[in-house]
Amino acid sequence: MKSMYNSDQDGRPNEPAEAVNSPDLDVLSKAHHARRFKRGLLWMGAGALTLVSSFAINFLCFQCGVDFHLPMYVLTSLGALGLLKGMMSIF
């Protein structure tokens, strides 16, 4: 007669089949964190590069006497948003 409880003859609980065949969750968590960290670094790098290019374009436009309001606000905003997205991906 089969026991209606999930245990062996000694009364110890049997391991469910899903727990035995499932991958280690700690390994999956570390891999997921590594992917997010790499993606966050890429976003932060792109944001920092955009901010540096914005500074260079603004400096050149100011020296030449050209209106620099549009590149100043657009590129600076995009760079700051890239940095924030990268930080959100990491943390």
PDB file of N, CA and C in Angstrom:
ATOM      1  N   MET A   1       0.832  -1.160   0.000  1.00  0.00           N
ATOM      2  CA  MET A   1       0.000   0.000   0.000  1.00  0.00           C
ATOM      3  C   MET A   1       0.894   1.245   0.000  1.00  0.00           C
ATOM      4  N   LYS A   2       0.562   2.187  -0.851  1.00  0.00           N
ATOM      5  CA  LYS A   2       1.351   3.399  -0.983  1.00  0.00           C
ATOM      6  C   LYS A   2       0.882   4.440   0.028  1.00  0.00           C
ATOM      7  N   SER A   3       1.867   5.105   0.654  1.00  0.00           N
ATOM      8  CA  SER A   3       1.543   6.112   1.644  1.00  0.00           C
ATOM      9  C   SER A   3       0.950   7.345   0.959  1.00  0.00           C
ATOM     10  N   MET A   4       0.002   7.947   1.620  1.00  0.00           N
ATOM     11  CA  MET A   4      -0.581   9.148   1.054  1.00  0.00           C
ATOM     12  C   MET A   4       0.234  10.388   1.382  1.00  0.00           C
ATOM     13  N   TYR A   5       1.245  10.250   2.217  1.00  0.00           N
ATOM     14  CA  TYR A   5       2.143  11.348   2.528  1.00  0.00           C
ATOM     15  C   TYR A   5       3.398  11.235   1.684  1.00  0.00           C
ATOM     16  N   ASN A   6       4.044  12.345   1.450  1.00  0.00           N
ATOM     17  CA  ASN A   6       5.248  12.373   0.626  1.00  0.00           C
ATOM     18  C   ASN A   6       6.466  12.098   1.518  1.00  0.00           C
ATOM     19  N   SER A   7       6.623  10.838   1.938  1.00  0.00           N
ATOM     20  CA  SER A   7       7.759  10.475   2.773  1.00  0.00           C
ATOM     21  C   SER A   7       8.164   9.045   2.475  1.00  0.00           C
ATOM     22  N   ASP A   8       9.384   8.679   2.887  1.00  0.00           N
ATOM     23  CA  ASP A   8       9.856   7.312   2.679  1.00  0.00           C
ATOM     24  C   ASP A   8       9.543   6.477   3.920  1.00  0.00           C
ATOM     25  N   GLN A   9      10.109   5.279   3.989  1.00  0.00           N
ATOM     26  CA  GLN A   9       9.819   4.367   5.095  1.00  0.00           C
ATOM     27  C   GLN A   9      10.251   4.921   6.453  1.00  0.00           C
ATOM     28  N   ASP A  10      11.319   5.711   6.490  1.00  0.00           N
ATOM     29  CA  ASP A  10      11.829   6.228   7.758  1.00  0.00           C
ATOM     30  C   ASP A  10      11.110   7.498   8.207  1.00  0.00           C
ATOM     31  N   GLY A  11      10.194   8.014   7.415  1.00  0.00           N
ATOM     32  CA  GLY A  11       9.457   9.202   7.783  1.00  0.00           C
ATOM     33  C   GLY A  11      10.084  10.495   7.301  1.00  0.00           C
ATOM     34  N   ARG A  12      11.206  10.379   6.575  1.00  0.00           N
ATOM     35  CA  ARG A  12      11.828  11.591   6.035  1.00  0.00           C
ATOM     36  C   ARG A  12      11.090  12.004   4.771  1.00  0.00           C
ATOM     37  N   PRO A  13      10.903  13.312   4.583  1.00  0.00           N
ATOM     38  CA  PRO A  13      10.187  13.757   3.371  1.00  0.00           C
ATOM     39  C   PRO A  13      11.040  13.539   2.124  1.00  0.00           C
ATOM     40  N   ASN A  14      10.379  13.123   1.076  1.00  0.00           N
ATOM     41  CA  ASN A  14      11.045  12.961  -0.216  1.00  0.00           C
ATOM     42  C   ASN A  14      11.224  14.317  -0.876  1.00  0.00           C
ATOM     43  N   GLU A  15      12.275  14.434  -1.668  1.00  0.00           N
ATOM     44  CA  GLU A  15      12.501  15.656  -2.430  1.00  0.00           C
ATOM     45  C   GLU A  15      11.547  15.680  -3.614  1.00  0.00           C
ATOM     46  N   PRO A  16      10.882  16.793  -3.847  1.00  0.00           N
ATOM     47  CA  PRO A  16      10.027  16.867  -5.041  1.00  0.00           C
ATOM     48  C   PRO A  16      10.879  16.823  -6.303  1.00  0.00           C
ATOM     49  N   ALA A  17      10.309  16.332  -7.361  1.00  0.00           N
ATOM     50  CA  ALA A  17      11.042  16.172  -8.617  1.00  0.00           C
ATOM     51  C   ALA A  17      11.468  17.518  -9.192  1.00  0.00           C
ATOM     52  N   GLU A  18      10.676  18.571  -8.960  1.00  0.00           N
ATOM     53  CA  GLU A  18      11.024  19.878  -9.497  1.00  0.00           C
ATOM     54  C   GLU A  18      12.283  20.430  -8.835  1.00  0.00           C
ATOM     55  N   ALA A  19      12.446  20.190  -7.547  1.00  0.00           N
ATOM     56  CA  ALA A  19      13.606  20.721  -6.835  1.00  0.00           C
ATOM     57  C   ALA A  19      14.890  20.023  -7.268  1.00  0.00           C
ATOM     58  N   VAL A  20      14.797  18.753  -7.600  1.00  0.00           N
ATOM     59  CA  VAL A  20      15.983  18.006  -8.005  1.00  0.00           C
ATOM     60  C   VAL A  20      16.431  18.423  -9.396  1.00  0.00           C
ATOM     61  N   ASN A  21      15.490  18.660 -10.300  1.00  0.00           N
ATOM     62  CA  ASN A  21      15.819  18.958 -11.689  1.00  0.00           C
ATOM     63  C   ASN A  21      15.971  20.442 -11.992  1.00  0.00           C
ATOM     64  N   SER A  22      15.621  21.332 -11.060  1.00  0.00           N
ATOM     65  CA  SER A  22      15.685  22.752 -11.351  1.00  0.00           C
ATOM     66  C   SER A  22      17.118  23.267 -11.211  1.00  0.00           C
ATOM     67  N   PRO A  23      17.506  24.265 -12.026  1.00  0.00           N
ATOM     68  CA  PRO A  23      18.853  24.826 -11.906  1.00  0.00           C
ATOM     69  C   PRO A  23      18.992  25.617 -10.613  1.00  0.00           C
ATOM     70  N   ASP A  24      20.198  25.814 -10.197  1.00  0.00           N
ATOM     71  CA  ASP A  24      20.467  26.524  -8.958  1.00  0.00           C
ATOM     72  C   ASP A  24      20.040  27.978  -9.106  1.00  0.00           C
ATOM     73  N   LEU A  25      19.171  28.423  -8.233  1.00  0.00           N
ATOM     74  CA  LEU A  25      18.644  29.782  -8.327  1.00  0.00           C
ATOM     75  C   LEU A  25      19.705  30.830  -8.039  1.00  0.00           C
ATOM     76  N   ASP A  26      20.674  30.497  -7.205  1.00  0.00           N
ATOM     77  CA  ASP A  26      21.742  31.446  -6.897  1.00  0.00           C
ATOM     78  C   ASP A  26      22.580  31.733  -8.137  1.00  0.00           C
ATOM     79  N   VAL A  27      22.851  30.718  -8.932  1.00  0.00           N
ATOM     80  CA  VAL A  27      23.618  30.902 -10.166  1.00  0.00           C
ATOM     81  C   VAL A  27      22.828  31.760 -11.152  1.00  0.00           C
ATOM     82  N   LEU A  28      21.540  31.507 -11.261  1.00  0.00           N
ATOM     83  CA  LEU A  28      20.697  32.301 -12.161  1.00  0.00           C
ATOM     84  C   LEU A  28      20.616  33.747 -11.694  1.00  0.00           C
ATOM     85  N   SER A  29      20.534  33.958 -10.388  1.00  0.00           N
ATOM     86  CA  SER A  29      20.466  35.317  -9.858  1.00  0.00           C
ATOM     87  C   SER A  29      21.759  36.077 -10.131  1.00  0.00           C
ATOM     88  N   LYS A  30      22.892  35.417  -9.962  1.00  0.00           N
ATOM     89  CA  LYS A  30      24.169  36.074 -10.230  1.00  0.00           C
ATOM     90  C   LYS A  30      24.328  36.388 -11.714  1.00  0.00           C
ATOM     91  N   ALA A  31      23.878  35.489 -12.573  1.00  0.00           N
ATOM     92  CA  ALA A  31      23.960  35.738 -14.019  1.00  0.00           C
ATOM     93  C   ALA A  31      23.053  36.904 -14.408  1.00  0.00           C
ATOM     94  N   HIS A  32      21.868  36.960 -13.825  1.00  0.00           N
ATOM     95  CA  HIS A  32      20.945  38.062 -14.118  1.00  0.00           C
ATOM     96  C   HIS A  32      21.521  39.390 -13.636  1.00  0.00           C
ATOM     97  N   HIS A  33      22.121  39.390 -12.451  1.00  0.00           N
ATOM     98  CA  HIS A  33      22.728  40.611 -11.928  1.00  0.00           C
ATOM     99  C   HIS A  33      23.909  41.042 -12.797  1.00  0.00           C
ATOM    100  N   ALA A  34      24.699  40.094 -13.278  1.00  0.00           N
ATOM    101  CA  ALA A  34      25.838  40.437 -14.139  1.00  0.00           C
ATOM    102  C   ALA A  34      25.360  41.068 -15.447  1.00  0.00           C
ATOM    103  N   ARG A  35      24.282  40.541 -16.018  1.00  0.00           N
ATOM    104  CA  ARG A  35      23.723  41.124 -17.249  1.00  0.00           C
ATOM    105  C   ARG A  35      23.222  42.537 -17.008  1.00  0.00           C
ATOM    106  N   ARG A  36      22.502  42.742 -15.904  1.00  0.00           N
ATOM    107  CA  ARG A  36      21.992  44.077 -15.590  1.00  0.00           C
ATOM    108  C   ARG A  36      23.128  45.049 -15.311  1.00  0.00           C
ATOM    109  N   PHE A  37      24.183  44.583 -14.640  1.00  0.00           N
ATOM    110  CA  PHE A  37      25.321  45.437 -14.336  1.00  0.00           C
ATOM    111  C   PHE A  37      26.027  45.862 -15.618  1.00  0.00           C
ATOM    112  N   LYS A  38      26.199  44.925 -16.543  1.00  0.00           N
ATOM    113  CA  LYS A  38      26.852  45.244 -17.816  1.00  0.00           C
ATOM    114  C   LYS A  38      25.996  46.227 -18.626  1.00  0.00           C
ATOM    115  N   ARG A  39      24.692  45.988 -18.664  1.00  0.00           N
ATOM    116  CA  ARG A  39      23.793  46.888 -19.381  1.00  0.00           C
ATOM    117  C   ARG A  39      23.809  48.275 -18.746  1.00  0.00           C
ATOM    118  N   GLY A  40      23.852  48.328 -17.415  1.00  0.00           N
ATOM    119  CA  GLY A  40      23.903  49.607 -16.715  1.00  0.00           C
ATOM    120  C   GLY A  40      25.185  50.369 -17.011  1.00  0.00           C
ATOM    121  N   LEU A  41      26.300  49.659 -17.062  1.00  0.00           N
ATOM    122  CA  LEU A  41      27.561  50.319 -17.403  1.00  0.00           C
ATOM    123  C   LEU A  41      27.543  50.863 -18.824  1.00  0.00           C
ATOM    124  N   LEU A  42      26.937  50.120 -19.739  1.00  0.00           N
ATOM    125  CA  LEU A  42      26.840  50.607 -21.119  1.00  0.00           C
ATOM    126  C   LEU A  42      25.987  51.872 -21.196  1.00  0.00           C
ATOM    127  N   TRP A  43      24.867  51.887 -20.497  1.00  0.00           N
ATOM    128  CA  TRP A  43      24.009  53.073 -20.494  1.00  0.00           C
ATOM    129  C   TRP A  43      24.716  54.257 -19.856  1.00  0.00           C
ATOM    130  N   MET A  44      25.415  54.006 -18.760  1.00  0.00           N
ATOM    131  CA  MET A  44      26.133  55.102 -18.108  1.00  0.00           C
ATOM    132  C   MET A  44      27.264  55.624 -18.987  1.00  0.00           C
ATOM    133  N   GLY A  45      27.947  54.729 -19.687  1.00  0.00           N
ATOM    134  CA  GLY A  45      28.997  55.164 -20.602  1.00  0.00           C
ATOM    135  C   GLY A  45      28.445  55.990 -21.747  1.00  0.00           C
ATOM    136  N   ALA A  46      27.307  55.546 -22.289  1.00  0.00           N
ATOM    137  CA  ALA A  46      26.680  56.309 -23.378  1.00  0.00           C
ATOM    138  C   ALA A  46      26.206  57.672 -22.881  1.00  0.00           C
ATOM    139  N   GLY A  47      25.662  57.721 -21.676  1.00  0.00           N
ATOM    140  CA  GLY A  47      25.220  58.990 -21.113  1.00  0.00           C
ATOM    141  C   GLY A  47      26.384  59.935 -20.859  1.00  0.00           C
ATOM    142  N   ALA A  48      27.483  59.396 -20.332  1.00  0.00           N
ATOM    143  CA  ALA A  48      28.659  60.234 -20.076  1.00  0.00           C
ATOM    144  C   ALA A  48      29.258  60.737 -21.383  1.00  0.00           C
ATOM    145  N   LEU A  49      29.295  59.886 -22.399  1.00  0.00           N
ATOM    146  CA  LEU A  49      29.806  60.299 -23.708  1.00  0.00           C
ATOM    147  C   LEU A  49      28.919  61.384 -24.315  1.00  0.00           C
ATOM    148  N   THR A  50      27.623  61.265 -24.146  1.00  0.00           N
ATOM    149  CA  THR A  50      26.698  62.288 -24.640  1.00  0.00           C
ATOM    150  C   THR A  50      26.901  63.614 -23.909  1.00  0.00           C
ATOM    151  N   LEU A  51      27.135  63.542 -22.599  1.00  0.00           N
ATOM    152  CA  LEU A  51      27.374  64.773 -21.841  1.00  0.00           C
ATOM    153  C   LEU A  51      28.679  65.449 -22.265  1.00  0.00           C
ATOM    154  N   VAL A  52      29.719  64.665 -22.493  1.00  0.00           N
ATOM    155  CA  VAL A  52      30.994  65.233 -22.924  1.00  0.00           C
ATOM    156  C   VAL A  52      30.863  65.846 -24.314  1.00  0.00           C
ATOM    157  N   SER A  53      30.179  65.153 -25.225  1.00  0.00           N
ATOM    158  CA  SER A  53      29.983  65.715 -26.565  1.00  0.00           C
ATOM    159  C   SER A  53      29.104  66.969 -26.504  1.00  0.00           C
ATOM    160  N   SER A  54      28.134  66.991 -25.601  1.00  0.00           N
ATOM    161  CA  SER A  54      27.308  68.185 -25.426  1.00  0.00           C
ATOM    162  C   SER A  54      28.153  69.363 -24.967  1.00  0.00           C
ATOM    163  N   PHE A  55      29.058  69.115 -24.037  1.00  0.00           N
ATOM    164  CA  PHE A  55      29.935  70.180 -23.574  1.00  0.00           C
ATOM    165  C   PHE A  55      30.806  70.705 -24.716  1.00  0.00           C
ATOM    166  N   ALA A  56      31.359  69.795 -25.501  1.00  0.00           N
ATOM    167  CA  ALA A  56      32.229  70.217 -26.612  1.00  0.00           C
ATOM    168  C   ALA A  56      31.449  71.017 -27.650  1.00  0.00           C
ATOM    169  N   ILE A  57      30.258  70.560 -27.998  1.00  0.00           N
ATOM    170  CA  ILE A  57      29.445  71.269 -28.994  1.00  0.00           C
ATOM    171  C   ILE A  57      29.024  72.635 -28.462  1.00  0.00           C
ATOM    172  N   ASN A  58      28.627  72.689 -27.185  1.00  0.00           N
ATOM    173  CA  ASN A  58      28.243  73.976 -26.592  1.00  0.00           C
ATOM    174  C   ASN A  58      29.417  74.943 -26.554  1.00  0.00           C
ATOM    175  N   PHE A  59      30.577  74.446 -26.218  1.00  0.00           N
ATOM    176  CA  PHE A  59      31.767  75.296 -26.167  1.00  0.00           C
ATOM    177  C   PHE A  59      32.089  75.862 -27.543  1.00  0.00           C
ATOM    178  N   LEU A  60      32.053  74.996 -28.574  1.00  0.00           N
ATOM    179  CA  LEU A  60      32.336  75.454 -29.929  1.00  0.00           C
ATOM    180  C   LEU A  60      31.275  76.431 -30.431  1.00  0.00           C
ATOM    181  N   CYS A  61      30.022  76.149 -30.153  1.00  0.00           N
ATOM    182  CA  CYS A  61      28.947  77.050 -30.589  1.00  0.00           C
ATOM    183  C   CYS A  61      29.056  78.410 -29.896  1.00  0.00           C
ATOM    184  N   PHE A  62      29.416  78.405 -28.616  1.00  0.00           N
ATOM    185  CA  PHE A  62      29.569  79.661 -27.891  1.00  0.00           C
ATOM    186  C   PHE A  62      30.742  80.473 -28.447  1.00  0.00           C
ATOM    187  N   GLN A  63      31.845  79.791 -28.776  1.00  0.00           N
ATOM    188  CA  GLN A  63      33.014  80.489 -29.307  1.00  0.00           C
ATOM    189  C   GLN A  63      32.739  81.076 -30.694  1.00  0.00           C
ATOM    190  N   CYS A  64      31.927  80.379 -31.472  1.00  0.00           N
ATOM    191  CA  CYS A  64      31.619  80.843 -32.830  1.00  0.00           C
ATOM    192  C   CYS A  64      30.453  81.829 -32.862  1.00  0.00           C
ATOM    193  N   GLY A  65      29.780  82.012 -31.769  1.00  0.00           N
ATOM    194  CA  GLY A  65      28.662  82.954 -31.728  1.00  0.00           C
ATOM    195  C   GLY A  65      27.378  82.381 -32.283  1.00  0.00           C
ATOM    196  N   VAL A  66      27.268  81.080 -32.353  1.00  0.00           N
ATOM    197  CA  VAL A  66      26.068  80.408 -32.878  1.00  0.00           C
ATOM    198  C   VAL A  66      25.119  80.127 -31.704  1.00  0.00           C
ATOM    199  N   ASP A  67      23.817  80.117 -31.995  1.00  0.00           N
ATOM    200  CA  ASP A  67      22.838  79.793 -30.962  1.00  0.00           C
ATOM    201  C   ASP A  67      23.039  78.353 -30.501  1.00  0.00           C
ATOM    202  N   PHE A  68      23.273  78.157 -29.219  1.00  0.00           N
ATOM    203  CA  PHE A  68      23.592  76.829 -28.696  1.00  0.00           C
ATOM    204  C   PHE A  68      22.529  76.305 -27.727  1.00  0.00           C
ATOM    205  N   HIS A  69      21.354  76.906 -27.707  1.00  0.00           N
ATOM    206  CA  HIS A  69      20.337  76.490 -26.744  1.00  0.00           C
ATOM    207  C   HIS A  69      19.790  75.089 -27.038  1.00  0.00           C
ATOM    208  N   LEU A  70      19.516  74.793 -28.298  1.00  0.00           N
ATOM    209  CA  LEU A  70      18.956  73.484 -28.634  1.00  0.00           C
ATOM    210  C   LEU A  70      19.931  72.343 -28.303  1.00  0.00           C
ATOM    211  N   PRO A  71      21.196  72.376 -28.752  1.00  0.00           N
ATOM    212  CA  PRO A  71      22.086  71.260 -28.369  1.00  0.00           C
ATOM    213  C   PRO A  71      22.344  71.209 -26.866  1.00  0.00           C
ATOM    214  N   MET A  72      22.343  72.384 -26.227  1.00  0.00           N
ATOM    215  CA  MET A  72      22.610  72.390 -24.794  1.00  0.00           C
ATOM    216  C   MET A  72      21.520  71.640 -24.040  1.00  0.00           C
ATOM    217  N   TYR A  73      20.278  71.930 -24.309  1.00  0.00           N
ATOM    218  CA  TYR A  73      19.196  71.306 -23.556  1.00  0.00           C
ATOM    219  C   TYR A  73      18.938  69.870 -23.991  1.00  0.00           C
ATOM    220  N   VAL A  74      18.973  69.605 -25.288  1.00  0.00           N
ATOM    221  CA  VAL A  74      18.647  68.259 -25.771  1.00  0.00           C
ATOM    222  C   VAL A  74      19.749  67.271 -25.402  1.00  0.00           C
ATOM    223  N   LEU A  75      20.995  67.581 -25.733  1.00  0.00           N
ATOM    224  CA  LEU A  75      22.069  66.622 -25.464  1.00  0.00           C
ATOM    225  C   LEU A  75      22.330  66.452 -23.970  1.00  0.00           C
ATOM    226  N   THR A  76      22.221  67.521 -23.215  1.00  0.00           N
ATOM    227  CA  THR A  76      22.418  67.407 -21.769  1.00  0.00           C
ATOM    228  C   THR A  76      21.311  66.573 -21.138  1.00  0.00           C
ATOM    229  N   SER A  77      20.080  66.767 -21.589  1.00  0.00           N
ATOM    230  CA  SER A  77      18.968  65.969 -21.061  1.00  0.00           C
ATOM    231  C   SER A  77      19.131  64.498 -21.415  1.00  0.00           C
ATOM    232  N   LEU A  78      19.507  64.211 -22.662  1.00  0.00           N
ATOM    233  CA  LEU A  78      19.706  62.819 -23.066  1.00  0.00           C
ATOM    234  C   LEU A  78      20.851  62.171 -22.287  1.00  0.00           C
ATOM    235  N   GLY A  79      21.916  62.901 -22.079  1.00  0.00           N
ATOM    236  CA  GLY A  79      23.038  62.361 -21.311  1.00  0.00           C
ATOM    237  C   GLY A  79      22.659  62.075 -19.871  1.00  0.00           C
ATOM    238  N   ALA A  80      21.932  62.997 -19.260  1.00  0.00           N
ATOM    239  CA  ALA A  80      21.508  62.790 -17.870  1.00  0.00           C
ATOM    240  C   ALA A  80      20.534  61.617 -17.761  1.00  0.00           C
ATOM    241  N   LEU A  81      19.630  61.482 -18.728  1.00  0.00           N
ATOM    242  CA  LEU A  81      18.700  60.347 -18.723  1.00  0.00           C
ATOM    243  C   LEU A  81      19.442  59.025 -18.921  1.00  0.00           C
ATOM    244  N   GLY A  82      20.469  59.030 -19.773  1.00  0.00           N
ATOM    245  CA  GLY A  82      21.279  57.819 -19.950  1.00  0.00           C
ATOM    246  C   GLY A  82      21.994  57.424 -18.673  1.00  0.00           C
ATOM    247  N   LEU A  83      22.534  58.406 -17.964  1.00  0.00           N
ATOM    248  CA  LEU A  83      23.178  58.108 -16.682  1.00  0.00           C
ATOM    249  C   LEU A  83      22.184  57.551 -15.667  1.00  0.00           C
ATOM    250  N   LEU A  84      20.999  58.151 -15.594  1.00  0.00           N
ATOM    251  CA  LEU A  84      19.990  57.676 -14.650  1.00  0.00           C
ATOM    252  C   LEU A  84      19.505  56.271 -14.982  1.00  0.00           C
ATOM    253  N   LYS A  85      19.304  55.994 -16.260  1.00  0.00           N
ATOM    254  CA  LYS A  85      18.876  54.643 -16.657  1.00  0.00           C
ATOM    255  C   LYS A  85      19.945  53.622 -16.314  1.00  0.00           C
ATOM    256  N   GLY A  86      21.204  53.988 -16.533  1.00  0.00           N
ATOM    257  CA  GLY A  86      22.289  53.074 -16.174  1.00  0.00           C
ATOM    258  C   GLY A  86      22.342  52.816 -14.682  1.00  0.00           C
ATOM    259  N   MET A  87      22.131  53.851 -13.886  1.00  0.00           N
ATOM    260  CA  MET A  87      22.124  53.658 -12.431  1.00  0.00           C
ATOM    261  C   MET A  87      20.949  52.801 -11.986  1.00  0.00           C
ATOM    262  N   MET A  88      19.797  52.978 -12.623  1.00  0.00           N
ATOM    263  CA  MET A  88      18.645  52.166 -12.276  1.00  0.00           C
ATOM    264  C   MET A  88      18.862  50.717 -12.651  1.00  0.00           C
ATOM    265  N   SER A  89      19.556  50.449 -13.734  1.00  0.00           N
ATOM    266  CA  SER A  89      19.825  49.074 -14.124  1.00  0.00           C
ATOM    267  C   SER A  89      20.786  48.404 -13.154  1.00  0.00           C
ATOM    268  N   ILE A  90      21.750  49.164 -12.659  1.00  0.00           N
ATOM    269  CA  ILE A  90      22.714  48.570 -11.734  1.00  0.00           C
ATOM    270  C   ILE A  90      22.110  48.340 -10.366  1.00  0.00           C
ATOM    271  N   PHE A  91      21.370  49.321  -9.873  1.00  0.00           N
ATOM    272  CA  PHE A  91      20.804  49.196  -8.531  1.00  0.00           C
ATOM    273  C   PHE A  91      19.396  48.734  -8.653  1.00  0.00           C
TER     274      PHE A  91
END
